Amino acid sequence: MDLSILNAVALGAEAPAPAGGGASFFIVIIVMFVLMYFMMIRPQQKRQKQHKAMIEALGKGDEVIINGGIAGRIDALGDSFVTVEVAEGVKLRVQRASIAQVLPKGTLKSA
């Protein structure tokens, strides 16, 4: 009986292996967040700044494409709305933010 108790005590007395990986786990998480920032968040912010600058630089007579794919020429500008002439006598009033692209001058004449 003495031997079984000694064996049980000897088995329980061994220290478990250290779990480790605590610091390395946090390093991996931090690296993943940094990668997500540079691959997803930063490019999106850059596109938003470019779009905002394009919207602010709009002028009467600029040829634009609206988000729906409609091309036209800016007829009138407002604070938040723009009037776009898509055909002779056909004018659409759209939000400034819905303008997707500014075309080079003369693009609509050649199309």
N, C-alpha and C. Protein backbone atom coordinates (compact mmCIF):
# COMPACT_ATOMS: atom_id res chain seq x y z
N MET A 1 0.81 -1.17 0.00
CA MET A 1 0.00 0.00 0.00
C MET A 1 0.86 1.25 0.00
N ASP A 2 1.95 1.16 0.61
CA ASP A 2 2.87 2.28 0.64
C ASP A 2 3.34 2.67 -0.76
N LEU A 3 3.55 1.67 -1.61
CA LEU A 3 4.05 1.93 -2.96
C LEU A 3 3.03 2.67 -3.83
N SER A 4 1.77 2.34 -3.70
CA SER A 4 0.76 3.00 -4.53
C SER A 4 0.61 4.46 -4.16
N ILE A 5 0.76 4.80 -2.90
CA ILE A 5 0.66 6.19 -2.47
C ILE A 5 1.87 6.97 -2.98
N LEU A 6 3.05 6.35 -2.91
CA LEU A 6 4.25 7.02 -3.39
C LEU A 6 4.17 7.27 -4.91
N ASN A 7 3.63 6.27 -5.62
CA ASN A 7 3.49 6.46 -7.07
C ASN A 7 2.50 7.58 -7.38
N ALA A 8 1.41 7.69 -6.66
CA ALA A 8 0.42 8.73 -6.88
C ALA A 8 1.00 10.10 -6.55
N VAL A 9 1.75 10.17 -5.46
CA VAL A 9 2.36 11.43 -5.08
C VAL A 9 3.42 11.83 -6.09
N ALA A 10 4.17 10.88 -6.57
CA ALA A 10 5.22 11.17 -7.54
C ALA A 10 4.62 11.65 -8.87
N LEU A 11 3.51 11.08 -9.28
CA LEU A 11 2.88 11.51 -10.52
C LEU A 11 2.30 12.91 -10.39
N GLY A 12 1.72 13.23 -9.25
CA GLY A 12 1.11 14.54 -9.04
C GLY A 12 2.15 15.61 -8.79
N ALA A 13 3.34 15.25 -8.39
CA ALA A 13 4.36 16.22 -8.04
C ALA A 13 5.04 16.81 -9.27
N GLU A 14 4.92 16.17 -10.42
CA GLU A 14 5.58 16.69 -11.62
C GLU A 14 4.88 17.99 -12.05
N ALA A 15 5.68 18.97 -12.35
CA ALA A 15 5.13 20.26 -12.79
C ALA A 15 4.68 20.15 -14.25
N PRO A 16 3.51 20.68 -14.54
CA PRO A 16 3.06 20.63 -15.93
C PRO A 16 3.94 21.53 -16.81
N ALA A 17 4.00 21.23 -18.08
CA ALA A 17 4.80 22.02 -19.00
C ALA A 17 4.17 23.42 -19.11
N PRO A 18 4.99 24.45 -19.16
CA PRO A 18 4.44 25.80 -19.26
C PRO A 18 3.66 25.98 -20.56
N ALA A 19 2.54 26.67 -20.46
CA ALA A 19 1.68 26.85 -21.62
C ALA A 19 2.38 27.70 -22.68
N GLY A 20 3.04 28.75 -22.27
CA GLY A 20 3.78 29.60 -23.22
C GLY A 20 2.85 30.18 -24.28
N GLY A 21 3.38 30.87 -25.26
CA GLY A 21 2.60 31.39 -26.36
C GLY A 21 1.76 32.60 -26.00
N GLY A 22 1.77 33.05 -24.78
CA GLY A 22 0.95 34.20 -24.41
C GLY A 22 1.39 35.46 -25.13
N ALA A 23 2.65 35.76 -25.07
CA ALA A 23 3.18 36.96 -25.72
C ALA A 23 3.16 36.80 -27.23
N SER A 24 3.50 35.64 -27.72
CA SER A 24 3.53 35.44 -29.17
C SER A 24 2.11 35.50 -29.76
N PHE A 25 1.12 35.07 -29.00
CA PHE A 25 -0.27 35.16 -29.45
C PHE A 25 -0.67 36.62 -29.67
N PHE A 26 -0.32 37.48 -28.72
CA PHE A 26 -0.66 38.89 -28.83
C PHE A 26 0.10 39.56 -29.98
N ILE A 27 1.32 39.14 -30.21
CA ILE A 27 2.10 39.68 -31.32
C ILE A 27 1.44 39.33 -32.65
N VAL A 28 0.98 38.09 -32.78
CA VAL A 28 0.31 37.66 -34.01
C VAL A 28 -0.97 38.46 -34.22
N ILE A 29 -1.74 38.67 -33.17
CA ILE A 29 -2.97 39.45 -33.28
C ILE A 29 -2.67 40.89 -33.70
N ILE A 30 -1.66 41.49 -33.12
CA ILE A 30 -1.28 42.86 -33.47
C ILE A 30 -0.83 42.94 -34.93
N VAL A 31 -0.04 41.97 -35.37
CA VAL A 31 0.42 41.95 -36.76
C VAL A 31 -0.78 41.82 -37.71
N MET A 32 -1.76 41.01 -37.35
CA MET A 32 -2.94 40.85 -38.19
C MET A 32 -3.72 42.17 -38.30
N PHE A 33 -3.87 42.90 -37.20
CA PHE A 33 -4.56 44.18 -37.25
C PHE A 33 -3.79 45.20 -38.10
N VAL A 34 -2.48 45.20 -37.99
CA VAL A 34 -1.67 46.11 -38.80
C VAL A 34 -1.83 45.78 -40.29
N LEU A 35 -1.80 44.50 -40.64
CA LEU A 35 -1.99 44.09 -42.03
C LEU A 35 -3.37 44.49 -42.54
N MET A 36 -4.41 44.29 -41.73
CA MET A 36 -5.75 44.68 -42.14
C MET A 36 -5.84 46.18 -42.38
N TYR A 37 -5.18 46.95 -41.53
CA TYR A 37 -5.19 48.41 -41.69
C TYR A 37 -4.58 48.80 -43.03
N PHE A 38 -3.39 48.26 -43.34
CA PHE A 38 -2.70 48.66 -44.55
C PHE A 38 -3.31 48.06 -45.82
N MET A 39 -4.03 46.96 -45.71
CA MET A 39 -4.59 46.33 -46.90
C MET A 39 -6.06 46.67 -47.14
N MET A 40 -6.78 47.09 -46.11
CA MET A 40 -8.21 47.35 -46.29
C MET A 40 -8.62 48.77 -45.91
N ILE A 41 -8.27 49.22 -44.74
CA ILE A 41 -8.78 50.50 -44.23
C ILE A 41 -8.09 51.68 -44.91
N ARG A 42 -6.78 51.66 -45.00
CA ARG A 42 -6.05 52.79 -45.56
C ARG A 42 -6.39 53.04 -47.04
N PRO A 43 -6.43 52.01 -47.90
CA PRO A 43 -6.82 52.28 -49.29
C PRO A 43 -8.23 52.84 -49.43
N GLN A 44 -9.15 52.37 -48.59
CA GLN A 44 -10.52 52.89 -48.64
C GLN A 44 -10.55 54.37 -48.26
N GLN A 45 -9.80 54.75 -47.24
CA GLN A 45 -9.75 56.16 -46.84
C GLN A 45 -9.15 57.01 -47.95
N LYS A 46 -8.16 56.48 -48.65
CA LYS A 46 -7.54 57.20 -49.75
C LYS A 46 -8.54 57.42 -50.89
N ARG A 47 -9.33 56.38 -51.22
CA ARG A 47 -10.35 56.52 -52.26
C ARG A 47 -11.41 57.54 -51.85
N GLN A 48 -11.79 57.55 -50.58
CA GLN A 48 -12.78 58.51 -50.11
C GLN A 48 -12.27 59.95 -50.25
N LYS A 49 -11.00 60.18 -49.93
CA LYS A 49 -10.42 61.52 -50.07
C LYS A 49 -10.39 61.95 -51.53
N GLN A 50 -10.02 61.03 -52.43
CA GLN A 50 -9.99 61.35 -53.85
C GLN A 50 -11.38 61.68 -54.37
N HIS A 51 -12.38 60.92 -53.96
CA HIS A 51 -13.75 61.16 -54.40
C HIS A 51 -14.26 62.50 -53.88
N LYS A 52 -13.96 62.81 -52.63
CA LYS A 52 -14.39 64.08 -52.06
C LYS A 52 -13.74 65.25 -52.79
N ALA A 53 -12.46 65.13 -53.13
CA ALA A 53 -11.78 66.19 -53.87
C ALA A 53 -12.38 66.35 -55.27
N MET A 54 -12.75 65.24 -55.91
CA MET A 54 -13.36 65.29 -57.23
C MET A 54 -14.72 65.99 -57.16
N ILE A 55 -15.51 65.66 -56.14
CA ILE A 55 -16.84 66.25 -55.97
C ILE A 55 -16.74 67.76 -55.73
N GLU A 56 -15.76 68.17 -54.94
CA GLU A 56 -15.60 69.60 -54.63
C GLU A 56 -15.11 70.38 -55.84
N ALA A 57 -14.41 69.73 -56.77
CA ALA A 57 -13.84 70.41 -57.93
C ALA A 57 -14.79 70.45 -59.12
N LEU A 58 -16.01 69.96 -58.98
CA LEU A 58 -16.96 69.96 -60.10
C LEU A 58 -17.30 71.38 -60.52
N GLY A 59 -17.49 71.53 -61.83
CA GLY A 59 -17.87 72.83 -62.35
C GLY A 59 -18.91 72.68 -63.46
N LYS A 60 -19.55 73.77 -63.80
CA LYS A 60 -20.56 73.76 -64.85
C LYS A 60 -19.89 73.41 -66.18
N GLY A 61 -20.49 72.49 -66.92
CA GLY A 61 -19.95 72.07 -68.20
C GLY A 61 -19.10 70.82 -68.13
N ASP A 62 -18.77 70.36 -66.93
CA ASP A 62 -17.99 69.13 -66.79
C ASP A 62 -18.83 67.94 -67.25
N GLU A 63 -18.18 67.00 -67.91
CA GLU A 63 -18.86 65.78 -68.36
C GLU A 63 -18.61 64.71 -67.31
N VAL A 64 -19.69 64.09 -66.84
CA VAL A 64 -19.60 63.15 -65.72
C VAL A 64 -20.36 61.87 -66.02
N ILE A 65 -20.04 60.85 -65.22
CA ILE A 65 -20.82 59.61 -65.21
C ILE A 65 -21.40 59.46 -63.82
N ILE A 66 -22.70 59.21 -63.75
CA ILE A 66 -23.39 59.01 -62.49
C ILE A 66 -23.25 57.53 -62.10
N ASN A 67 -23.41 57.22 -60.81
CA ASN A 67 -23.26 55.84 -60.34
C ASN A 67 -24.09 54.83 -61.12
N GLY A 68 -25.21 55.21 -61.65
CA GLY A 68 -26.04 54.29 -62.42
C GLY A 68 -25.52 54.04 -63.82
N GLY A 69 -24.44 54.71 -64.22
CA GLY A 69 -23.87 54.53 -65.54
C GLY A 69 -24.34 55.53 -66.55
N ILE A 70 -25.11 56.51 -66.15
CA ILE A 70 -25.62 57.53 -67.05
C ILE A 70 -24.57 58.62 -67.21
N ALA A 71 -24.29 58.97 -68.46
CA ALA A 71 -23.31 60.01 -68.75
C ALA A 71 -24.05 61.29 -69.13
N GLY A 72 -23.49 62.42 -68.71
CA GLY A 72 -24.11 63.70 -69.04
C GLY A 72 -23.19 64.86 -68.73
N ARG A 73 -23.70 66.06 -68.97
CA ARG A 73 -22.94 67.28 -68.75
C ARG A 73 -23.60 68.07 -67.62
N ILE A 74 -22.80 68.59 -66.71
CA ILE A 74 -23.34 69.35 -65.58
C ILE A 74 -23.91 70.67 -66.09
N ASP A 75 -25.19 70.91 -65.72
CA ASP A 75 -25.89 72.12 -66.15
C ASP A 75 -25.95 73.15 -65.03
N ALA A 76 -26.15 72.68 -63.80
CA ALA A 76 -26.25 73.58 -62.65
C ALA A 76 -25.71 72.88 -61.42
N LEU A 77 -25.13 73.67 -60.53
CA LEU A 77 -24.56 73.14 -59.29
C LEU A 77 -25.28 73.74 -58.09
N GLY A 78 -25.52 72.90 -57.10
CA GLY A 78 -26.08 73.36 -55.83
C GLY A 78 -25.17 72.89 -54.70
N ASP A 79 -25.62 73.13 -53.48
CA ASP A 79 -24.81 72.69 -52.34
C ASP A 79 -24.71 71.17 -52.26
N SER A 80 -25.84 70.49 -52.41
CA SER A 80 -25.81 69.03 -52.29
C SER A 80 -26.36 68.33 -53.53
N PHE A 81 -26.90 69.09 -54.48
CA PHE A 81 -27.45 68.49 -55.70
C PHE A 81 -26.81 69.11 -56.94
N VAL A 82 -26.80 68.32 -58.00
CA VAL A 82 -26.25 68.74 -59.29
C VAL A 82 -27.29 68.42 -60.36
N THR A 83 -27.48 69.32 -61.30
CA THR A 83 -28.37 69.06 -62.43
C THR A 83 -27.50 68.63 -63.61
N VAL A 84 -27.77 67.42 -64.11
CA VAL A 84 -26.98 66.85 -65.21
C VAL A 84 -27.88 66.73 -66.43
N GLU A 85 -27.42 67.29 -67.55
CA GLU A 85 -28.16 67.17 -68.81
C GLU A 85 -27.65 65.94 -69.54
N VAL A 86 -28.53 64.94 -69.69
CA VAL A 86 -28.13 63.67 -70.32
C VAL A 86 -28.45 63.65 -71.80
N ALA A 87 -29.38 64.43 -72.25
CA ALA A 87 -29.72 64.59 -73.66
C ALA A 87 -30.29 65.99 -73.81
N GLU A 88 -30.49 66.42 -75.03
CA GLU A 88 -31.00 67.76 -75.25
C GLU A 88 -32.40 67.89 -74.65
N GLY A 89 -32.52 68.76 -73.65
CA GLY A 89 -33.80 68.98 -72.98
C GLY A 89 -34.11 67.98 -71.87
N VAL A 90 -33.24 67.02 -71.63
CA VAL A 90 -33.48 66.02 -70.57
C VAL A 90 -32.46 66.27 -69.46
N LYS A 91 -32.97 66.68 -68.30
CA LYS A 91 -32.08 67.00 -67.18
C LYS A 91 -32.45 66.15 -65.97
N LEU A 92 -31.43 65.67 -65.29
CA LEU A 92 -31.60 64.89 -64.07
C LEU A 92 -30.99 65.66 -62.91
N ARG A 93 -31.68 65.61 -61.79
CA ARG A 93 -31.13 66.23 -60.58
C ARG A 93 -30.68 65.11 -59.67
N VAL A 94 -29.39 65.07 -59.38
CA VAL A 94 -28.80 63.99 -58.57
C VAL A 94 -27.96 64.59 -57.45
N GLN A 95 -27.70 63.78 -56.46
CA GLN A 95 -26.83 64.20 -55.37
C GLN A 95 -25.39 64.27 -55.87
N ARG A 96 -24.62 65.16 -55.29
CA ARG A 96 -23.21 65.28 -55.67
C ARG A 96 -22.45 63.97 -55.45
N ALA A 97 -22.76 63.28 -54.37
CA ALA A 97 -22.04 62.05 -54.04
C ALA A 97 -22.31 60.93 -55.03
N SER A 98 -23.36 61.05 -55.84
CA SER A 98 -23.67 59.98 -56.79
C SER A 98 -22.87 60.09 -58.08
N ILE A 99 -22.05 61.10 -58.20
CA ILE A 99 -21.19 61.23 -59.39
C ILE A 99 -19.99 60.33 -59.19
N ALA A 100 -19.82 59.40 -60.13
CA ALA A 100 -18.77 58.40 -60.00
C ALA A 100 -17.46 58.82 -60.65
N GLN A 101 -17.55 59.57 -61.75
CA GLN A 101 -16.34 59.85 -62.51
C GLN A 101 -16.52 61.13 -63.31
N VAL A 102 -15.45 61.89 -63.45
CA VAL A 102 -15.44 63.06 -64.32
C VAL A 102 -14.70 62.66 -65.58
N LEU A 103 -15.34 62.88 -66.73
CA LEU A 103 -14.76 62.49 -68.01
C LEU A 103 -13.95 63.65 -68.60
N PRO A 104 -13.00 63.34 -69.47
CA PRO A 104 -12.27 64.41 -70.17
C PRO A 104 -13.23 65.19 -71.09
N LYS A 105 -12.93 66.45 -71.32
CA LYS A 105 -13.78 67.29 -72.17
C LYS A 105 -13.87 66.70 -73.57
N GLY A 106 -15.07 66.72 -74.13
CA GLY A 106 -15.30 66.23 -75.48
C GLY A 106 -15.58 64.75 -75.58
N THR A 107 -15.64 64.04 -74.47
CA THR A 107 -15.89 62.60 -74.50
C THR A 107 -17.30 62.31 -74.99
N LEU A 108 -18.27 63.07 -74.56
CA LEU A 108 -19.66 62.82 -74.95
C LEU A 108 -19.91 63.13 -76.42
N LYS A 109 -19.20 64.07 -76.99
CA LYS A 109 -19.38 64.40 -78.41
C LYS A 109 -18.88 63.27 -79.30
N SER A 110 -17.81 62.60 -78.85
CA SER A 110 -17.21 61.54 -79.66
C SER A 110 -17.99 60.23 -79.55
N ALA A 111 -18.86 60.12 -78.55
CA ALA A 111 -19.58 58.86 -78.34
C ALA A 111 -20.81 58.75 -79.18
